[in-house]
């Protein structure tokens, strides 16, 4: 009986240490991530995952680090695994959509943004990025609609006016497009000035 108790105590201590070690690696990875040591952060997240295959934060943050390093394929894999571990964290769709967008997989990105917006109809950045993906996928009316939604949520969002103005000009809505570009310029979006000089004089 004494041997059984000793074994149980030893097992508990091992499990406890195991959990602490994974947590320590994860926290170390987060610190390195904050300091922009992305490769160091990934190394620590790898170790955290080796010790705890269900470490949600390690997958999520490793996905962020890989995204910043433009390793989009593995970033998407990390986001997908994080979602498996916590399906209620719908923001992962947004992160994964961004990575797919950068990969040029616009239709797949749009599907992820759709899911984000389905969960949170006021998710301004999801509308903006979905609009950008639709624009690259040649769905100009859909993109304009998304940029309009961004402006409805935040009437001072410079980039949304700029993007919508450019697309309106490209789709023969010059007067309305120029109005958007001028609004973007008024709000401080200096890139709009070049297009104004080219199309709105």
N, C-alpha and C. Protein backbone atom coordinates (compact mmCIF):
# COMPACT_ATOMS: atom_id res chain seq x y z
N UNK A 1 0.83 -1.20 0.00
CA UNK A 1 0.00 0.00 0.00
C UNK A 1 0.87 1.26 0.00
N UNK A 2 1.95 1.18 0.81
CA UNK A 2 2.85 2.32 0.89
C UNK A 2 3.48 2.62 -0.47
N UNK A 3 3.86 1.52 -1.20
CA UNK A 3 4.47 1.69 -2.52
C UNK A 3 3.50 2.35 -3.49
N UNK A 4 2.21 1.97 -3.39
CA UNK A 4 1.18 2.55 -4.27
C UNK A 4 1.05 4.04 -4.01
N UNK A 5 1.02 4.42 -2.73
CA UNK A 5 0.90 5.84 -2.37
C UNK A 5 2.10 6.63 -2.88
N UNK A 6 3.29 6.06 -2.70
CA UNK A 6 4.50 6.72 -3.19
C UNK A 6 4.45 6.91 -4.70
N UNK A 7 3.98 5.87 -5.40
CA UNK A 7 3.87 5.93 -6.86
C UNK A 7 2.89 7.02 -7.28
N UNK A 8 1.74 7.07 -6.59
CA UNK A 8 0.72 8.07 -6.92
C UNK A 8 1.26 9.48 -6.70
N UNK A 9 1.95 9.68 -5.56
CA UNK A 9 2.53 10.99 -5.26
C UNK A 9 3.57 11.38 -6.31
N UNK A 10 4.38 10.40 -6.70
CA UNK A 10 5.40 10.67 -7.71
C UNK A 10 4.75 11.03 -9.04
N UNK A 11 3.68 10.31 -9.37
CA UNK A 11 2.97 10.58 -10.62
C UNK A 11 2.38 11.99 -10.62
N UNK A 12 1.78 12.37 -9.50
CA UNK A 12 1.19 13.71 -9.38
C UNK A 12 2.26 14.78 -9.55
N UNK A 13 3.43 14.55 -8.93
CA UNK A 13 4.52 15.51 -9.04
C UNK A 13 5.02 15.63 -10.47
N UNK A 14 5.09 14.50 -11.17
CA UNK A 14 5.54 14.50 -12.57
C UNK A 14 4.56 15.27 -13.44
N UNK A 15 3.26 15.00 -13.25
CA UNK A 15 2.23 15.68 -14.03
C UNK A 15 2.27 17.17 -13.76
N UNK A 16 2.47 17.53 -12.48
CA UNK A 16 2.50 18.94 -12.10
C UNK A 16 3.69 19.64 -12.75
N UNK A 17 4.85 18.98 -12.70
CA UNK A 17 6.05 19.56 -13.29
C UNK A 17 5.89 19.67 -14.81
N UNK A 18 5.28 18.64 -15.37
CA UNK A 18 5.04 18.62 -16.83
C UNK A 18 4.20 19.84 -17.25
N UNK A 19 3.13 20.10 -16.49
CA UNK A 19 2.27 21.23 -16.79
C UNK A 19 3.02 22.55 -16.63
N UNK A 20 3.81 22.67 -15.57
CA UNK A 20 4.58 23.89 -15.34
C UNK A 20 5.57 24.14 -16.46
N UNK A 21 6.23 23.11 -16.91
CA UNK A 21 7.24 23.27 -17.95
C UNK A 21 6.62 23.76 -19.25
N UNK A 22 5.50 23.18 -19.63
CA UNK A 22 4.80 23.61 -20.82
C UNK A 22 4.37 25.06 -20.69
N UNK A 23 3.85 25.41 -19.54
CA UNK A 23 3.41 26.79 -19.28
C UNK A 23 4.59 27.75 -19.34
N UNK A 24 5.72 27.33 -18.79
CA UNK A 24 6.90 28.18 -18.80
C UNK A 24 7.39 28.44 -20.23
N UNK A 25 7.40 27.39 -21.04
CA UNK A 25 7.81 27.57 -22.43
C UNK A 25 6.85 28.50 -23.17
N UNK A 26 5.58 28.31 -22.90
CA UNK A 26 4.58 29.16 -23.56
C UNK A 26 4.78 30.62 -23.16
N UNK A 27 4.97 30.87 -21.86
CA UNK A 27 5.17 32.23 -21.39
C UNK A 27 6.46 32.84 -21.93
N UNK A 28 7.50 32.01 -22.00
CA UNK A 28 8.76 32.48 -22.58
C UNK A 28 8.57 32.83 -24.05
N UNK A 29 7.81 32.01 -24.75
CA UNK A 29 7.51 32.29 -26.15
C UNK A 29 6.76 33.59 -26.32
N UNK A 30 5.80 33.85 -25.42
CA UNK A 30 5.04 35.09 -25.49
C UNK A 30 5.94 36.31 -25.28
N UNK A 31 6.88 36.20 -24.35
CA UNK A 31 7.82 37.31 -24.10
C UNK A 31 8.68 37.55 -25.33
N UNK A 32 9.19 36.48 -25.92
CA UNK A 32 10.02 36.63 -27.12
C UNK A 32 9.21 37.20 -28.28
N UNK A 33 7.95 36.80 -28.36
CA UNK A 33 7.07 37.32 -29.41
C UNK A 33 6.90 38.84 -29.25
N UNK A 34 6.68 39.27 -28.02
CA UNK A 34 6.53 40.71 -27.74
C UNK A 34 7.78 41.49 -28.11
N UNK A 35 8.94 40.84 -27.98
CA UNK A 35 10.22 41.48 -28.28
C UNK A 35 10.61 41.32 -29.74
N UNK A 36 9.69 40.78 -30.56
CA UNK A 36 9.90 40.56 -32.00
C UNK A 36 10.97 39.51 -32.31
N UNK A 37 11.28 38.67 -31.31
CA UNK A 37 12.16 37.52 -31.57
C UNK A 37 11.26 36.36 -32.01
N UNK A 38 10.84 36.42 -33.26
CA UNK A 38 9.81 35.49 -33.72
C UNK A 38 10.30 34.05 -33.81
N UNK A 39 11.53 33.87 -34.29
CA UNK A 39 12.07 32.50 -34.37
C UNK A 39 12.28 31.91 -32.99
N UNK A 40 12.74 32.74 -32.05
CA UNK A 40 12.89 32.27 -30.66
C UNK A 40 11.55 31.92 -30.05
N UNK A 41 10.54 32.73 -30.36
CA UNK A 41 9.20 32.47 -29.85
C UNK A 41 8.67 31.15 -30.40
N UNK A 42 8.86 30.92 -31.69
CA UNK A 42 8.39 29.68 -32.32
C UNK A 42 9.07 28.47 -31.67
N UNK A 43 10.36 28.60 -31.40
CA UNK A 43 11.09 27.50 -30.76
C UNK A 43 10.48 27.16 -29.40
N UNK A 44 10.15 28.19 -28.63
CA UNK A 44 9.54 27.96 -27.31
C UNK A 44 8.13 27.39 -27.44
N UNK A 45 7.37 27.88 -28.40
CA UNK A 45 6.02 27.35 -28.60
C UNK A 45 6.09 25.88 -29.04
N UNK A 46 7.10 25.54 -29.85
CA UNK A 46 7.29 24.14 -30.24
C UNK A 46 7.46 23.26 -29.01
N UNK A 47 8.29 23.73 -28.07
CA UNK A 47 8.56 22.95 -26.86
C UNK A 47 7.31 22.84 -25.98
N UNK A 48 6.57 23.95 -25.91
CA UNK A 48 5.32 23.92 -25.13
C UNK A 48 4.36 22.89 -25.70
N UNK A 49 4.28 22.82 -27.02
CA UNK A 49 3.36 21.88 -27.68
C UNK A 49 3.86 20.44 -27.53
N UNK A 50 5.18 20.26 -27.57
CA UNK A 50 5.73 18.92 -27.36
C UNK A 50 5.33 18.38 -25.99
N UNK A 51 5.30 19.28 -25.00
CA UNK A 51 4.96 18.87 -23.64
C UNK A 51 3.47 18.84 -23.38
N UNK A 52 2.72 19.60 -24.14
CA UNK A 52 1.26 19.64 -23.97
C UNK A 52 0.62 19.86 -25.33
N UNK A 53 0.22 18.79 -25.97
CA UNK A 53 -0.32 18.85 -27.33
C UNK A 53 -1.65 19.60 -27.40
N UNK A 54 -2.23 19.92 -26.25
CA UNK A 54 -3.49 20.66 -26.22
C UNK A 54 -3.29 22.11 -25.78
N UNK A 55 -2.08 22.63 -25.94
CA UNK A 55 -1.79 24.00 -25.51
C UNK A 55 -2.30 24.99 -26.56
N UNK A 56 -3.52 25.42 -26.39
CA UNK A 56 -4.21 26.29 -27.35
C UNK A 56 -3.40 27.56 -27.67
N UNK A 57 -2.94 28.24 -26.61
CA UNK A 57 -2.25 29.51 -26.81
C UNK A 57 -0.96 29.34 -27.60
N UNK A 58 -0.28 28.22 -27.40
CA UNK A 58 0.97 27.99 -28.12
C UNK A 58 0.72 27.86 -29.61
N UNK A 59 -0.34 27.12 -29.99
CA UNK A 59 -0.68 27.01 -31.41
C UNK A 59 -1.09 28.37 -31.98
N UNK A 60 -1.92 29.08 -31.24
CA UNK A 60 -2.42 30.37 -31.72
C UNK A 60 -1.27 31.36 -31.94
N UNK A 61 -0.40 31.47 -30.92
CA UNK A 61 0.67 32.45 -31.01
C UNK A 61 1.77 32.01 -31.97
N UNK A 62 1.97 30.71 -32.10
CA UNK A 62 2.92 30.24 -33.11
C UNK A 62 2.38 30.58 -34.50
N UNK A 63 1.06 30.48 -34.65
CA UNK A 63 0.44 30.89 -35.91
C UNK A 63 0.68 32.37 -36.20
N UNK A 64 0.56 33.22 -35.17
CA UNK A 64 0.82 34.65 -35.34
C UNK A 64 2.27 34.89 -35.77
N UNK A 65 3.19 34.22 -35.07
CA UNK A 65 4.62 34.41 -35.39
C UNK A 65 4.92 33.97 -36.81
N UNK A 66 4.38 32.84 -37.21
CA UNK A 66 4.62 32.35 -38.57
C UNK A 66 3.98 33.26 -39.61
N UNK A 67 2.83 33.83 -39.27
CA UNK A 67 2.20 34.80 -40.17
C UNK A 67 3.12 35.99 -40.41
N UNK A 68 3.69 36.52 -39.33
CA UNK A 68 4.57 37.68 -39.45
C UNK A 68 5.84 37.34 -40.24
N UNK A 69 6.25 36.07 -40.18
CA UNK A 69 7.41 35.62 -40.95
C UNK A 69 7.03 35.21 -42.38
N UNK A 70 5.75 35.41 -42.74
CA UNK A 70 5.22 35.09 -44.05
C UNK A 70 5.24 33.59 -44.37
N UNK A 71 5.21 32.80 -43.31
CA UNK A 71 5.11 31.34 -43.46
C UNK A 71 3.62 30.99 -43.37
N UNK A 72 2.88 31.39 -44.40
CA UNK A 72 1.43 31.36 -44.32
C UNK A 72 0.86 29.94 -44.26
N UNK A 73 1.47 29.01 -44.95
CA UNK A 73 0.96 27.64 -44.96
C UNK A 73 0.95 27.05 -43.55
N UNK A 74 2.06 27.19 -42.85
CA UNK A 74 2.12 26.64 -41.49
C UNK A 74 1.34 27.50 -40.49
N UNK A 75 1.24 28.78 -40.78
CA UNK A 75 0.40 29.64 -39.95
C UNK A 75 -1.05 29.16 -40.00
N UNK A 76 -1.54 28.86 -41.20
CA UNK A 76 -2.91 28.37 -41.37
C UNK A 76 -3.10 27.05 -40.62
N UNK A 77 -2.10 26.17 -40.69
CA UNK A 77 -2.19 24.89 -39.99
C UNK A 77 -2.29 25.10 -38.48
N UNK A 78 -1.53 26.06 -37.96
CA UNK A 78 -1.59 26.35 -36.52
C UNK A 78 -2.95 26.91 -36.12
N UNK A 79 -3.47 27.83 -36.92
CA UNK A 79 -4.78 28.40 -36.61
C UNK A 79 -5.87 27.32 -36.65
N UNK A 80 -5.75 26.43 -37.60
CA UNK A 80 -6.74 25.35 -37.72
C UNK A 80 -6.69 24.43 -36.50
N UNK A 81 -5.48 24.13 -36.03
CA UNK A 81 -5.32 23.29 -34.84
C UNK A 81 -5.85 24.01 -33.60
N UNK A 82 -5.57 25.30 -33.50
CA UNK A 82 -6.07 26.07 -32.36
C UNK A 82 -7.60 26.06 -32.35
N UNK A 83 -8.20 26.15 -33.54
CA UNK A 83 -9.65 26.13 -33.62
C UNK A 83 -10.21 24.78 -33.18
N UNK A 84 -9.52 23.70 -33.52
CA UNK A 84 -9.94 22.36 -33.06
C UNK A 84 -9.97 22.31 -31.53
N UNK A 85 -9.01 22.98 -30.91
CA UNK A 85 -8.91 22.96 -29.44
C UNK A 85 -9.92 23.87 -28.78
N UNK A 86 -10.32 24.94 -29.48
CA UNK A 86 -11.30 25.88 -28.90
C UNK A 86 -12.21 26.41 -30.02
N UNK A 87 -13.22 25.63 -30.40
CA UNK A 87 -14.11 26.03 -31.50
C UNK A 87 -14.94 27.28 -31.20
N UNK A 88 -15.01 27.69 -29.95
CA UNK A 88 -15.79 28.87 -29.60
C UNK A 88 -15.03 30.17 -29.87
N UNK A 89 -13.73 30.07 -30.09
CA UNK A 89 -12.90 31.27 -30.32
C UNK A 89 -12.95 31.62 -31.80
N UNK A 90 -14.01 32.28 -32.21
CA UNK A 90 -14.27 32.51 -33.64
C UNK A 90 -13.27 33.48 -34.27
N UNK A 91 -12.54 34.24 -33.46
CA UNK A 91 -11.56 35.18 -34.00
C UNK A 91 -10.48 34.46 -34.81
N UNK A 92 -10.31 33.15 -34.54
CA UNK A 92 -9.32 32.38 -35.31
C UNK A 92 -9.67 32.39 -36.79
N UNK A 93 -10.96 32.42 -37.12
CA UNK A 93 -11.35 32.51 -38.53
C UNK A 93 -10.76 33.77 -39.17
N UNK A 94 -10.75 34.86 -38.40
CA UNK A 94 -10.21 36.12 -38.91
C UNK A 94 -8.72 35.99 -39.19
N UNK A 95 -7.98 35.44 -38.21
CA UNK A 95 -6.54 35.27 -38.39
C UNK A 95 -6.24 34.33 -39.57
N UNK A 96 -6.97 33.24 -39.63
CA UNK A 96 -6.73 32.29 -40.71
C UNK A 96 -7.11 32.89 -42.06
N UNK A 97 -8.19 33.66 -42.08
CA UNK A 97 -8.58 34.34 -43.31
C UNK A 97 -7.49 35.29 -43.80
N UNK A 98 -6.85 35.99 -42.87
CA UNK A 98 -5.76 36.90 -43.24
C UNK A 98 -4.61 36.14 -43.89
N UNK A 99 -4.27 34.99 -43.32
CA UNK A 99 -3.18 34.19 -43.88
C UNK A 99 -3.55 33.66 -45.27
N UNK A 100 -4.78 33.22 -45.43
CA UNK A 100 -5.23 32.74 -46.75
C UNK A 100 -5.23 33.89 -47.75
N UNK A 101 -5.62 35.06 -47.30
CA UNK A 101 -5.62 36.25 -48.16
C UNK A 101 -4.21 36.53 -48.66
N UNK A 102 -3.25 36.46 -47.76
CA UNK A 102 -1.85 36.71 -48.14
C UNK A 102 -1.34 35.64 -49.09
N UNK A 103 -1.87 34.44 -48.98
CA UNK A 103 -1.48 33.34 -49.87
C UNK A 103 -2.07 33.48 -51.27
N UNK A 104 -3.03 34.39 -51.40
CA UNK A 104 -3.72 34.52 -52.68
C UNK A 104 -4.91 33.59 -52.81
N UNK A 105 -5.31 32.96 -51.71
CA UNK A 105 -6.48 32.07 -51.71
C UNK A 105 -7.70 32.89 -51.30
N UNK A 106 -8.14 33.73 -52.21
CA UNK A 106 -9.14 34.74 -51.86
C UNK A 106 -10.50 34.14 -51.53
N UNK A 107 -10.94 33.16 -52.29
CA UNK A 107 -12.25 32.55 -52.00
C UNK A 107 -12.25 31.88 -50.64
N UNK A 108 -11.15 31.19 -50.31
CA UNK A 108 -11.05 30.54 -49.01
C UNK A 108 -10.99 31.57 -47.89
N UNK A 109 -10.30 32.68 -48.13
CA UNK A 109 -10.24 33.75 -47.14
C UNK A 109 -11.62 34.33 -46.91
N UNK A 110 -12.35 34.57 -47.99
CA UNK A 110 -13.70 35.13 -47.88
C UNK A 110 -14.60 34.22 -47.05
N UNK A 111 -14.47 32.91 -47.22
CA UNK A 111 -15.26 31.97 -46.44
C UNK A 111 -14.98 32.13 -44.94
N UNK A 112 -13.72 32.31 -44.60
CA UNK A 112 -13.38 32.51 -43.18
C UNK A 112 -13.92 33.83 -42.66
N UNK A 113 -13.80 34.90 -43.46
CA UNK A 113 -14.35 36.19 -43.03
C UNK A 113 -15.87 36.11 -42.88
N UNK A 114 -16.52 35.35 -43.76
CA UNK A 114 -17.97 35.15 -43.64
C UNK A 114 -18.33 34.58 -42.27
N UNK A 115 -17.52 33.63 -41.81
CA UNK A 115 -17.78 32.98 -40.52
C UNK A 115 -17.57 33.96 -39.37
N UNK A 116 -16.55 34.79 -39.49
CA UNK A 116 -16.32 35.81 -38.45
C UNK A 116 -17.52 36.74 -38.37
N UNK A 117 -17.94 37.24 -39.53
CA UNK A 117 -19.04 38.20 -39.57
C UNK A 117 -20.34 37.54 -39.12
N UNK A 118 -20.50 36.25 -39.43
CA UNK A 118 -21.68 35.53 -38.95
C UNK A 118 -21.75 35.50 -37.42
N UNK A 119 -20.59 35.42 -36.79
CA UNK A 119 -20.54 35.41 -35.32
C UNK A 119 -20.60 36.83 -34.75
N UNK A 120 -20.00 37.78 -35.49
CA UNK A 120 -19.93 39.16 -35.00
C UNK A 120 -20.21 40.11 -36.17
N UNK A 121 -21.47 40.48 -36.38
CA UNK A 121 -21.84 41.31 -37.55
C UNK A 121 -21.24 42.72 -37.52
N UNK A 122 -20.61 43.11 -36.43
CA UNK A 122 -19.99 44.44 -36.34
C UNK A 122 -18.46 44.35 -36.41
N UNK A 123 -17.93 43.25 -36.89
CA UNK A 123 -16.48 43.06 -36.94
C UNK A 123 -15.92 43.86 -38.13
N UNK A 124 -15.52 45.09 -37.84
CA UNK A 124 -15.13 46.03 -38.88
C UNK A 124 -13.94 45.54 -39.71
N UNK A 125 -12.92 45.00 -39.05
CA UNK A 125 -11.73 44.56 -39.78
C UNK A 125 -12.03 43.36 -40.69
N UNK A 126 -12.98 42.54 -40.28
CA UNK A 126 -13.36 41.41 -41.14
C UNK A 126 -14.03 41.90 -42.42
N UNK A 127 -14.88 42.93 -42.30
CA UNK A 127 -15.48 43.52 -43.49
C UNK A 127 -14.41 44.13 -44.39
N UNK A 128 -13.48 44.87 -43.78
CA UNK A 128 -12.42 45.52 -44.55
C UNK A 128 -11.59 44.49 -45.30
N UNK A 129 -11.14 43.46 -44.60
CA UNK A 129 -10.28 42.46 -45.23
C UNK A 129 -11.05 41.59 -46.22
N UNK A 130 -12.34 41.35 -45.93
CA UNK A 130 -13.15 40.62 -46.90
C UNK A 130 -13.32 41.46 -48.16
N UNK A 131 -13.49 42.77 -47.98
CA UNK A 131 -13.58 43.66 -49.13
C UNK A 131 -12.31 43.62 -49.97
N UNK A 132 -11.16 43.62 -49.30
CA UNK A 132 -9.89 43.54 -50.02
C UNK A 132 -9.79 42.22 -50.79
N UNK A 133 -10.21 41.12 -50.15
CA UNK A 133 -10.16 39.81 -50.81
C UNK A 133 -11.11 39.77 -52.00
N UNK A 134 -12.30 40.32 -51.83
CA UNK A 134 -13.27 40.35 -52.94
C UNK A 134 -12.73 41.20 -54.10
N UNK A 135 -12.07 42.30 -53.75
CA UNK A 135 -11.50 43.15 -54.79
C UNK A 135 -10.45 42.39 -55.60
N UNK A 136 -9.58 41.66 -54.90
CA UNK A 136 -8.55 40.87 -55.59
C UNK A 136 -9.16 39.72 -56.38
N UNK A 137 -10.34 39.28 -55.94
CA UNK A 137 -11.05 38.19 -56.63
C UNK A 137 -11.99 38.72 -57.71
N UNK A 138 -11.85 40.03 -58.00
CA UNK A 138 -12.62 40.70 -59.07
C UNK A 138 -14.10 40.85 -58.77
N UNK A 139 -14.50 40.71 -57.51
CA UNK A 139 -15.89 40.96 -57.13
C UNK A 139 -15.97 42.40 -56.62
N UNK A 140 -15.98 43.35 -57.55
CA UNK A 140 -15.94 44.75 -57.17
C UNK A 140 -17.22 45.22 -56.46
N UNK A 141 -18.41 44.84 -56.93
CA UNK A 141 -19.61 45.26 -56.19
C UNK A 141 -19.63 44.72 -54.76
N UNK A 142 -19.19 43.46 -54.58
CA UNK A 142 -19.15 42.90 -53.24
C UNK A 142 -18.15 43.61 -52.36
N UNK A 143 -17.02 43.99 -52.94
CA UNK A 143 -16.00 44.71 -52.18
C UNK A 143 -16.51 46.09 -51.78
N UNK A 144 -17.13 46.78 -52.72
CA UNK A 144 -17.68 48.11 -52.41
C UNK A 144 -18.69 48.01 -51.27
N UNK A 145 -19.53 46.98 -51.32
CA UNK A 145 -20.52 46.77 -50.26
C UNK A 145 -19.85 46.58 -48.90
N UNK A 146 -18.75 45.83 -48.87
CA UNK A 146 -18.05 45.61 -47.61
C UNK A 146 -17.40 46.89 -47.09
N UNK A 147 -16.79 47.67 -47.99
CA UNK A 147 -16.18 48.93 -47.55
C UNK A 147 -17.25 49.91 -47.06
N UNK A 148 -18.43 49.85 -47.69
CA UNK A 148 -19.55 50.68 -47.23
C UNK A 148 -19.95 50.29 -45.81
N UNK A 149 -19.96 48.99 -45.53
CA UNK A 149 -20.30 48.52 -44.18
C UNK A 149 -19.28 49.00 -43.16
N UNK A 150 -18.00 48.99 -43.53
CA UNK A 150 -16.97 49.51 -42.62
C UNK A 150 -17.26 50.96 -42.28
N UNK A 151 -17.60 51.75 -43.30
CA UNK A 151 -17.88 53.17 -43.09
C UNK A 151 -19.12 53.37 -42.24
N UNK A 152 -20.10 52.51 -42.39
CA UNK A 152 -21.30 52.59 -41.54
C UNK A 152 -20.92 52.36 -40.07
N UNK A 153 -20.01 51.43 -39.83
CA UNK A 153 -19.59 51.13 -38.46
C UNK A 153 -18.70 52.25 -37.93
N UNK A 154 -17.80 52.75 -38.79
CA UNK A 154 -16.87 53.80 -38.38
C UNK A 154 -16.74 54.82 -39.51
N UNK A 155 -17.47 55.93 -39.42
CA UNK A 155 -17.47 56.93 -40.51
C UNK A 155 -16.13 57.64 -40.71
N UNK A 156 -15.14 57.34 -39.87
CA UNK A 156 -13.84 58.01 -39.98
C UNK A 156 -12.73 57.06 -40.44
N UNK A 157 -13.13 55.93 -40.99
CA UNK A 157 -12.13 54.92 -41.39
C UNK A 157 -11.57 55.30 -42.76
N UNK A 158 -10.38 55.91 -42.76
CA UNK A 158 -9.78 56.47 -43.98
C UNK A 158 -9.62 55.44 -45.09
N UNK A 159 -9.06 54.27 -44.74
CA UNK A 159 -8.74 53.27 -45.75
C UNK A 159 -9.98 52.77 -46.47
N UNK A 160 -11.11 52.69 -45.76
CA UNK A 160 -12.34 52.21 -46.38
C UNK A 160 -12.82 53.19 -47.45
N UNK A 161 -12.73 54.49 -47.16
CA UNK A 161 -13.09 55.50 -48.17
C UNK A 161 -12.15 55.40 -49.38
N UNK A 162 -10.86 55.25 -49.11
CA UNK A 162 -9.88 55.16 -50.19
C UNK A 162 -10.16 53.94 -51.08
N UNK A 163 -10.33 52.79 -50.44
CA UNK A 163 -10.56 51.56 -51.20
C UNK A 163 -11.85 51.64 -52.00
N UNK A 164 -12.89 52.14 -51.36
CA UNK A 164 -14.17 52.24 -52.06
C UNK A 164 -14.09 53.24 -53.20
N UNK A 165 -13.42 54.36 -52.95
CA UNK A 165 -13.27 55.37 -54.00
C UNK A 165 -12.53 54.83 -55.21
N UNK A 166 -11.45 54.10 -54.97
CA UNK A 166 -10.67 53.53 -56.08
C UNK A 166 -11.52 52.56 -56.90
N UNK A 167 -12.26 51.69 -56.20
CA UNK A 167 -13.08 50.71 -56.91
C UNK A 167 -14.22 51.38 -57.69
N UNK A 168 -14.77 52.43 -57.12
CA UNK A 168 -15.84 53.15 -57.84
C UNK A 168 -15.30 53.76 -59.13
N UNK A 169 -14.10 54.31 -59.07
CA UNK A 169 -13.49 54.88 -60.27
C UNK A 169 -13.25 53.78 -61.31
N UNK A 170 -12.79 52.63 -60.84
CA UNK A 170 -12.52 51.51 -61.74
C UNK A 170 -13.81 50.94 -62.35
N UNK A 171 -14.95 51.20 -61.71
CA UNK A 171 -16.23 50.69 -62.21
C UNK A 171 -17.12 51.82 -62.74
N UNK A 172 -16.47 52.88 -63.25
CA UNK A 172 -17.17 53.99 -63.93
C UNK A 172 -18.14 54.74 -63.03
N UNK A 173 -17.76 54.89 -61.76
CA UNK A 173 -18.54 55.72 -60.84
C UNK A 173 -17.62 56.84 -60.34
N UNK A 174 -17.08 57.61 -61.31
CA UNK A 174 -16.00 58.55 -60.99
C UNK A 174 -16.42 59.62 -59.98
N UNK A 175 -17.57 60.21 -60.17
CA UNK A 175 -17.99 61.31 -59.28
C UNK A 175 -18.07 60.83 -57.83
N UNK A 176 -18.73 59.71 -57.62
CA UNK A 176 -18.86 59.15 -56.27
C UNK A 176 -17.50 58.69 -55.75
N UNK A 177 -16.70 58.10 -56.65
CA UNK A 177 -15.38 57.65 -56.26
C UNK A 177 -14.49 58.79 -55.83
N UNK A 178 -14.54 59.90 -56.57
CA UNK A 178 -13.74 61.07 -56.21
C UNK A 178 -14.18 61.64 -54.87
N UNK A 179 -15.47 61.60 -54.60
CA UNK A 179 -15.97 62.07 -53.31
C UNK A 179 -15.37 61.24 -52.17
N UNK A 180 -15.28 59.93 -52.40
CA UNK A 180 -14.69 59.05 -51.38
C UNK A 180 -13.19 59.35 -51.21
N UNK A 181 -12.49 59.53 -52.31
CA UNK A 181 -11.06 59.81 -52.23
C UNK A 181 -10.80 61.13 -51.51
N UNK A 182 -11.62 62.13 -51.79
CA UNK A 182 -11.47 63.42 -51.12
C UNK A 182 -11.76 63.30 -49.63
N UNK A 183 -12.73 62.46 -49.28
CA UNK A 183 -13.03 62.23 -47.87
C UNK A 183 -11.84 61.54 -47.19
N UNK A 184 -11.26 60.56 -47.87
CA UNK A 184 -10.09 59.87 -47.33
C UNK A 184 -8.96 60.86 -47.10
N UNK A 185 -8.76 61.76 -48.06
CA UNK A 185 -7.71 62.77 -47.94
C UNK A 185 -7.99 63.71 -46.78
N UNK A 186 -9.23 64.15 -46.65
CA UNK A 186 -9.61 65.03 -45.53
C UNK A 186 -9.32 64.38 -44.18
N UNK A 187 -9.49 63.05 -44.13
CA UNK A 187 -9.27 62.33 -42.88
C UNK A 187 -7.78 62.01 -42.65
N UNK A 188 -6.93 62.41 -43.61
CA UNK A 188 -5.50 62.25 -43.41
C UNK A 188 -4.85 61.12 -44.17
N UNK A 189 -5.58 60.50 -45.10
CA UNK A 189 -5.02 59.38 -45.88
C UNK A 189 -4.32 59.96 -47.10
N UNK A 190 -3.03 60.21 -46.99
CA UNK A 190 -2.29 60.95 -48.00
C UNK A 190 -2.19 60.23 -49.34
N UNK A 191 -2.28 58.88 -49.33
CA UNK A 191 -2.21 58.14 -50.59
C UNK A 191 -3.33 58.53 -51.55
N UNK A 192 -4.42 59.07 -51.00
CA UNK A 192 -5.55 59.43 -51.85
C UNK A 192 -5.23 60.61 -52.76
N UNK A 193 -4.27 61.43 -52.37
CA UNK A 193 -4.00 62.65 -53.13
C UNK A 193 -3.52 62.36 -54.55
N UNK A 194 -2.72 61.33 -54.70
CA UNK A 194 -2.22 60.99 -56.04
C UNK A 194 -3.37 60.61 -56.97
N UNK A 195 -4.31 59.82 -56.45
CA UNK A 195 -5.46 59.42 -57.28
C UNK A 195 -6.37 60.60 -57.56
N UNK A 196 -6.51 61.49 -56.60
CA UNK A 196 -7.32 62.69 -56.81
C UNK A 196 -6.74 63.52 -57.94
N UNK A 197 -5.41 63.70 -57.91
CA UNK A 197 -4.74 64.48 -58.97
C UNK A 197 -4.89 63.82 -60.33
N UNK A 198 -4.96 62.49 -60.34
CA UNK A 198 -5.03 61.77 -61.61
C UNK A 198 -6.45 61.69 -62.17
N UNK A 199 -7.43 61.50 -61.29
CA UNK A 199 -8.78 61.20 -61.77
C UNK A 199 -9.82 62.28 -61.46
N UNK A 200 -9.51 63.17 -60.56
CA UNK A 200 -10.59 64.04 -60.04
C UNK A 200 -10.37 65.51 -60.31
N UNK A 201 -9.57 65.84 -61.28
CA UNK A 201 -9.35 67.23 -61.63
C UNK A 201 -10.28 67.68 -62.77
